[in-house]
N, C-alpha and C. Protein backbone atom coordinates (compact mmCIF):
# COMPACT_ATOMS: atom_id res chain seq x y z
N MET A 1 -22.17 7.72 -0.47
CA MET A 1 -21.84 7.31 -1.80
C MET A 1 -20.37 6.91 -1.91
N PRO A 2 -20.08 5.72 -2.37
CA PRO A 2 -18.69 5.23 -2.44
C PRO A 2 -17.86 6.04 -3.49
N THR A 3 -16.54 6.24 -3.18
CA THR A 3 -15.70 6.88 -4.13
C THR A 3 -15.31 5.92 -5.28
N LYS A 4 -14.63 6.45 -6.29
CA LYS A 4 -14.18 5.57 -7.31
C LYS A 4 -13.19 4.55 -6.78
N LEU A 5 -12.26 5.01 -5.97
CA LEU A 5 -11.26 4.04 -5.36
C LEU A 5 -11.96 2.93 -4.59
N GLU A 6 -12.97 3.34 -3.75
CA GLU A 6 -13.67 2.31 -3.04
C GLU A 6 -14.38 1.33 -3.95
N ASN A 7 -14.99 1.82 -4.95
CA ASN A 7 -15.67 0.95 -5.94
C ASN A 7 -14.70 0.10 -6.65
N ASP A 8 -13.47 0.60 -6.96
CA ASP A 8 -12.43 -0.15 -7.61
C ASP A 8 -12.08 -1.34 -6.73
N VAL A 9 -11.90 -1.17 -5.38
CA VAL A 9 -11.59 -2.27 -4.47
C VAL A 9 -12.65 -3.29 -4.48
N ARG A 10 -13.87 -2.87 -4.31
CA ARG A 10 -15.05 -3.74 -4.21
C ARG A 10 -15.14 -4.62 -5.53
N VAL A 11 -15.02 -4.00 -6.64
CA VAL A 11 -15.12 -4.77 -7.93
C VAL A 11 -13.85 -5.67 -8.10
N ALA A 12 -12.67 -5.16 -7.74
CA ALA A 12 -11.48 -6.00 -7.85
C ALA A 12 -11.58 -7.22 -6.98
N PHE A 13 -12.14 -7.07 -5.73
CA PHE A 13 -12.17 -8.24 -4.85
C PHE A 13 -13.19 -9.25 -5.43
N ASP A 14 -14.29 -8.79 -5.89
CA ASP A 14 -15.30 -9.75 -6.51
C ASP A 14 -14.69 -10.47 -7.72
N ARG A 15 -14.00 -9.70 -8.57
CA ARG A 15 -13.39 -10.31 -9.77
C ARG A 15 -12.27 -11.26 -9.41
N ALA A 16 -11.50 -10.93 -8.35
CA ALA A 16 -10.45 -11.82 -7.91
C ALA A 16 -11.01 -13.16 -7.42
N ILE A 17 -12.10 -13.06 -6.64
CA ILE A 17 -12.79 -14.24 -6.13
C ILE A 17 -13.23 -15.18 -7.27
N GLU A 18 -13.71 -14.54 -8.34
CA GLU A 18 -14.20 -15.22 -9.54
C GLU A 18 -13.03 -15.75 -10.38
N GLY A 19 -11.79 -15.29 -10.09
CA GLY A 19 -10.65 -15.68 -10.86
C GLY A 19 -10.43 -14.93 -12.16
N ALA A 20 -11.20 -13.79 -12.28
CA ALA A 20 -11.14 -13.02 -13.45
C ALA A 20 -9.98 -12.04 -13.52
N ILE A 21 -9.41 -11.73 -12.34
CA ILE A 21 -8.16 -10.92 -12.28
C ILE A 21 -7.18 -11.55 -11.21
N SER A 22 -6.02 -11.14 -11.31
CA SER A 22 -4.96 -11.68 -10.39
C SER A 22 -5.00 -10.97 -9.04
N SER A 23 -4.43 -11.65 -8.08
CA SER A 23 -4.38 -10.97 -6.77
C SER A 23 -3.51 -9.75 -6.80
N GLU A 24 -2.59 -9.62 -7.72
CA GLU A 24 -1.74 -8.44 -7.87
C GLU A 24 -2.59 -7.22 -8.23
N GLU A 25 -3.58 -7.47 -9.13
CA GLU A 25 -4.42 -6.34 -9.55
C GLU A 25 -5.29 -5.91 -8.39
N LEU A 26 -5.78 -6.88 -7.54
CA LEU A 26 -6.54 -6.55 -6.37
C LEU A 26 -5.68 -5.70 -5.39
N VAL A 27 -4.45 -6.16 -5.19
CA VAL A 27 -3.52 -5.46 -4.22
C VAL A 27 -3.27 -4.01 -4.75
N THR A 28 -3.17 -3.88 -6.03
CA THR A 28 -2.95 -2.50 -6.66
C THR A 28 -4.11 -1.58 -6.30
N ALA A 29 -5.31 -2.09 -6.37
CA ALA A 29 -6.53 -1.31 -6.07
C ALA A 29 -6.57 -0.99 -4.55
N VAL A 30 -6.21 -1.97 -3.75
CA VAL A 30 -6.22 -1.77 -2.29
C VAL A 30 -5.21 -0.72 -1.93
N ARG A 31 -4.02 -0.82 -2.42
CA ARG A 31 -2.91 0.15 -2.15
C ARG A 31 -3.30 1.60 -2.50
N ALA A 32 -3.96 1.76 -3.71
CA ALA A 32 -4.38 3.08 -4.14
C ALA A 32 -5.38 3.67 -3.18
N LEU A 33 -6.31 2.88 -2.72
CA LEU A 33 -7.34 3.34 -1.78
C LEU A 33 -6.69 3.71 -0.41
N VAL A 34 -5.82 2.81 0.03
CA VAL A 34 -5.16 3.06 1.37
C VAL A 34 -4.31 4.42 1.35
N ARG A 35 -3.61 4.63 0.23
CA ARG A 35 -2.87 5.87 0.09
C ARG A 35 -3.81 7.04 0.20
N ASP A 36 -4.89 6.95 -0.43
CA ASP A 36 -5.91 8.09 -0.51
C ASP A 36 -6.51 8.30 0.94
N LEU A 37 -6.86 7.22 1.59
CA LEU A 37 -7.43 7.32 2.97
C LEU A 37 -6.44 7.80 3.93
N LYS A 38 -5.22 7.44 3.81
CA LYS A 38 -4.06 7.92 4.64
C LYS A 38 -3.87 9.43 4.46
N THR A 39 -3.89 9.92 3.23
CA THR A 39 -3.72 11.32 2.97
C THR A 39 -4.92 12.19 3.52
N GLN A 40 -5.99 11.52 3.70
CA GLN A 40 -7.22 12.16 4.35
C GLN A 40 -7.01 12.22 5.87
N GLY A 41 -6.04 11.55 6.37
CA GLY A 41 -5.83 11.58 7.80
C GLY A 41 -6.47 10.43 8.59
N ARG A 42 -6.93 9.47 7.88
CA ARG A 42 -7.61 8.30 8.49
C ARG A 42 -6.67 7.43 9.27
N ALA A 43 -7.05 7.02 10.45
CA ALA A 43 -6.27 6.11 11.28
C ALA A 43 -6.13 4.75 10.66
N PRO A 44 -5.07 3.98 10.95
CA PRO A 44 -4.94 2.67 10.34
C PRO A 44 -6.07 1.72 10.59
N GLU A 45 -6.62 1.84 11.82
CA GLU A 45 -7.73 0.90 12.17
C GLU A 45 -8.94 1.24 11.25
N SER A 46 -9.17 2.51 10.98
CA SER A 46 -10.30 2.96 10.16
C SER A 46 -10.12 2.51 8.77
N VAL A 47 -8.91 2.58 8.28
CA VAL A 47 -8.63 2.15 6.99
C VAL A 47 -8.89 0.65 6.80
N ILE A 48 -8.37 -0.14 7.74
CA ILE A 48 -8.60 -1.57 7.59
C ILE A 48 -10.06 -1.92 7.67
N VAL A 49 -10.83 -1.25 8.54
CA VAL A 49 -12.28 -1.51 8.55
C VAL A 49 -12.92 -1.17 7.24
N THR A 50 -12.49 -0.03 6.67
CA THR A 50 -13.11 0.37 5.36
C THR A 50 -12.80 -0.70 4.33
N VAL A 51 -11.53 -1.14 4.24
CA VAL A 51 -11.15 -2.16 3.27
C VAL A 51 -11.89 -3.45 3.46
N LYS A 52 -12.03 -3.86 4.70
CA LYS A 52 -12.76 -5.12 5.03
C LYS A 52 -14.22 -4.98 4.64
N ASP A 53 -14.85 -3.82 4.94
CA ASP A 53 -16.24 -3.55 4.57
C ASP A 53 -16.41 -3.67 3.03
N LEU A 54 -15.58 -3.03 2.31
CA LEU A 54 -15.69 -3.04 0.85
C LEU A 54 -15.57 -4.44 0.26
N CYS A 55 -14.75 -5.28 0.95
CA CYS A 55 -14.59 -6.66 0.40
C CYS A 55 -15.61 -7.61 0.99
N GLY A 56 -16.45 -7.15 1.90
CA GLY A 56 -17.50 -7.97 2.52
C GLY A 56 -16.87 -8.95 3.54
N LEU A 57 -15.82 -8.49 4.18
CA LEU A 57 -15.09 -9.33 5.18
C LEU A 57 -15.56 -8.98 6.59
N SER A 58 -15.46 -9.92 7.47
CA SER A 58 -15.85 -9.71 8.90
C SER A 58 -14.81 -8.70 9.46
N ARG A 59 -15.31 -7.87 10.37
CA ARG A 59 -14.49 -6.93 11.03
C ARG A 59 -13.70 -7.62 12.21
N LEU A 60 -14.18 -8.80 12.58
CA LEU A 60 -13.58 -9.49 13.71
C LEU A 60 -12.59 -10.53 13.25
N THR A 61 -11.54 -10.68 14.00
CA THR A 61 -10.59 -11.83 13.82
C THR A 61 -10.83 -12.78 14.93
N VAL A 62 -11.04 -14.05 14.58
CA VAL A 62 -11.37 -15.07 15.55
C VAL A 62 -10.17 -15.92 15.81
N ALA A 63 -9.65 -16.03 17.01
CA ALA A 63 -8.59 -16.97 17.28
C ALA A 63 -9.09 -18.38 17.54
N SER A 64 -8.37 -19.33 17.19
CA SER A 64 -8.81 -20.70 17.41
C SER A 64 -7.65 -21.45 18.04
N ASP A 65 -8.01 -22.45 18.87
CA ASP A 65 -6.99 -23.21 19.56
C ASP A 65 -6.67 -24.50 18.82
N THR A 66 -7.28 -24.73 17.70
CA THR A 66 -6.96 -25.95 16.91
C THR A 66 -6.78 -25.60 15.43
N ASP A 67 -5.99 -26.42 14.75
CA ASP A 67 -5.77 -26.21 13.36
C ASP A 67 -6.99 -26.72 12.48
N SER A 68 -7.95 -27.42 13.11
CA SER A 68 -9.02 -27.98 12.32
C SER A 68 -9.98 -26.89 11.79
N SER A 69 -9.90 -25.69 12.36
CA SER A 69 -10.82 -24.64 11.87
C SER A 69 -10.11 -23.71 10.93
N VAL A 70 -8.87 -24.07 10.48
CA VAL A 70 -8.19 -23.13 9.56
C VAL A 70 -8.89 -23.20 8.23
N ASP A 71 -9.13 -22.04 7.66
CA ASP A 71 -9.79 -21.90 6.38
C ASP A 71 -8.74 -21.74 5.24
N PHE A 72 -8.72 -22.65 4.36
CA PHE A 72 -7.74 -22.56 3.21
C PHE A 72 -8.41 -22.24 1.89
N SER A 73 -9.63 -21.66 2.00
CA SER A 73 -10.33 -21.26 0.78
C SER A 73 -9.66 -20.16 0.06
N ASP A 74 -10.00 -20.01 -1.23
CA ASP A 74 -9.45 -18.90 -1.99
C ASP A 74 -9.94 -17.52 -1.40
N SER A 75 -11.18 -17.50 -0.94
CA SER A 75 -11.72 -16.29 -0.36
C SER A 75 -10.87 -15.86 0.90
N LYS A 76 -10.57 -16.81 1.71
CA LYS A 76 -9.76 -16.53 2.92
C LYS A 76 -8.38 -16.06 2.55
N LYS A 77 -7.76 -16.70 1.55
CA LYS A 77 -6.45 -16.31 1.06
C LYS A 77 -6.45 -14.88 0.56
N LEU A 78 -7.47 -14.52 -0.24
CA LEU A 78 -7.61 -13.22 -0.77
C LEU A 78 -7.83 -12.20 0.33
N SER A 79 -8.67 -12.56 1.34
CA SER A 79 -8.88 -11.64 2.40
C SER A 79 -7.59 -11.36 3.19
N ASP A 80 -6.83 -12.41 3.43
CA ASP A 80 -5.48 -12.24 4.10
C ASP A 80 -4.60 -11.27 3.28
N ILE A 81 -4.58 -11.51 1.97
CA ILE A 81 -3.72 -10.66 1.11
C ILE A 81 -4.20 -9.20 1.19
N VAL A 82 -5.50 -9.00 1.15
CA VAL A 82 -6.08 -7.64 1.15
C VAL A 82 -5.71 -6.93 2.45
N VAL A 83 -5.83 -7.54 3.63
CA VAL A 83 -5.54 -6.95 4.86
C VAL A 83 -4.07 -6.69 5.01
N SER A 84 -3.22 -7.69 4.61
CA SER A 84 -1.74 -7.49 4.67
C SER A 84 -1.31 -6.31 3.80
N ALA A 85 -1.88 -6.22 2.61
CA ALA A 85 -1.56 -5.13 1.63
C ALA A 85 -1.97 -3.82 2.19
N ALA A 86 -3.12 -3.75 2.87
CA ALA A 86 -3.59 -2.46 3.43
C ALA A 86 -2.68 -2.00 4.60
N ILE A 87 -2.25 -2.95 5.38
CA ILE A 87 -1.36 -2.61 6.53
C ILE A 87 -0.02 -2.20 6.03
N ASP A 88 0.58 -2.96 5.02
CA ASP A 88 1.85 -2.70 4.45
C ASP A 88 1.79 -1.31 3.78
N GLU A 89 0.78 -1.04 2.99
CA GLU A 89 0.77 0.26 2.28
C GLU A 89 0.61 1.44 3.27
N TYR A 90 -0.17 1.22 4.33
CA TYR A 90 -0.30 2.33 5.31
C TYR A 90 0.98 2.73 5.93
N TYR A 91 1.88 1.75 6.21
CA TYR A 91 3.07 2.06 6.88
C TYR A 91 4.28 2.13 6.00
N THR A 92 4.12 1.93 4.68
CA THR A 92 5.26 2.03 3.78
C THR A 92 5.82 3.45 3.75
N GLY A 93 7.12 3.58 4.01
CA GLY A 93 7.67 4.98 4.00
C GLY A 93 7.41 5.73 5.27
N SER A 94 6.68 5.19 6.12
CA SER A 94 6.38 5.85 7.43
C SER A 94 7.45 5.44 8.44
N ARG A 95 8.26 6.36 8.80
CA ARG A 95 9.39 6.09 9.71
C ARG A 95 9.32 7.12 10.81
N LEU A 96 9.26 6.62 12.02
CA LEU A 96 9.28 7.47 13.21
C LEU A 96 10.62 7.19 13.95
N ASN A 97 11.54 8.07 13.86
CA ASN A 97 12.85 7.84 14.50
C ASN A 97 13.49 6.57 14.07
N GLY A 98 13.34 6.20 12.82
CA GLY A 98 13.96 5.01 12.28
C GLY A 98 13.22 3.71 12.64
N ARG A 99 12.08 3.72 13.40
CA ARG A 99 11.47 2.60 13.82
C ARG A 99 10.56 2.02 12.70
N ARG A 100 10.48 0.70 12.66
CA ARG A 100 9.66 0.00 11.69
C ARG A 100 8.79 -0.91 12.39
N PRO A 101 7.69 -0.51 12.96
CA PRO A 101 6.86 -1.41 13.87
C PRO A 101 6.35 -2.63 13.14
N TRP A 102 6.17 -2.56 11.82
CA TRP A 102 5.64 -3.72 11.12
C TRP A 102 6.72 -4.77 10.91
N LYS A 103 7.97 -4.48 11.17
CA LYS A 103 9.06 -5.43 11.01
C LYS A 103 9.34 -6.19 12.26
N GLY A 104 8.90 -5.75 13.43
CA GLY A 104 9.09 -6.53 14.64
C GLY A 104 10.14 -5.87 15.53
N TYR A 105 10.15 -6.24 16.77
CA TYR A 105 11.03 -5.64 17.68
C TYR A 105 12.54 -5.95 17.49
N SER A 106 12.80 -7.07 16.99
CA SER A 106 14.19 -7.42 16.81
C SER A 106 14.93 -6.42 15.86
N SER A 107 14.21 -5.98 14.85
CA SER A 107 14.77 -5.07 13.88
C SER A 107 14.91 -3.67 14.56
N GLU A 108 13.92 -3.33 15.40
CA GLU A 108 14.05 -2.10 16.08
C GLU A 108 15.26 -2.06 17.06
N LEU A 109 15.51 -3.21 17.72
CA LEU A 109 16.60 -3.26 18.65
C LEU A 109 17.94 -3.21 17.88
N GLU A 110 17.97 -3.82 16.65
CA GLU A 110 19.17 -3.73 15.86
C GLU A 110 19.38 -2.30 15.40
N ASP A 111 18.31 -1.55 15.12
CA ASP A 111 18.45 -0.14 14.77
C ASP A 111 19.00 0.65 15.87
N LEU A 112 18.51 0.47 17.05
CA LEU A 112 18.95 1.16 18.26
C LEU A 112 20.43 0.84 18.53
N GLY A 113 20.92 -0.32 18.39
CA GLY A 113 22.23 -0.77 18.63
C GLY A 113 23.19 -0.07 17.59
N SER A 114 22.79 0.07 16.37
CA SER A 114 23.63 0.74 15.38
C SER A 114 23.68 2.21 15.50
N ALA A 115 22.60 2.76 16.17
CA ALA A 115 22.61 4.22 16.30
C ALA A 115 23.45 4.72 17.40
N ARG A 116 23.99 3.81 18.21
CA ARG A 116 24.81 4.22 19.43
C ARG A 116 26.20 4.46 19.02
């Protein structure tokens, strides 16, 4: 049985697709769910799969070698926003020895240089 937060994400995604709510409201629901799942000790991969399932998104990411298959639909844009928000929320405030893996290696190298 889905929790209230899971139901909130499912409903928010459907309403955002319909244009009944803003993407910010959807992101707020996703972030609340991610915080809850993280406090339960769920791994980031599991959290992303849960969010994708609730939004009816494919668990697979397909790479393409041409730009002709790029999807610019509102649904695709919202799915990208949802996944990005889930990743961002999972790692917000999470610092291991000053590392910020979501920011990229150049930032990490800068951090190491300033720590010396």
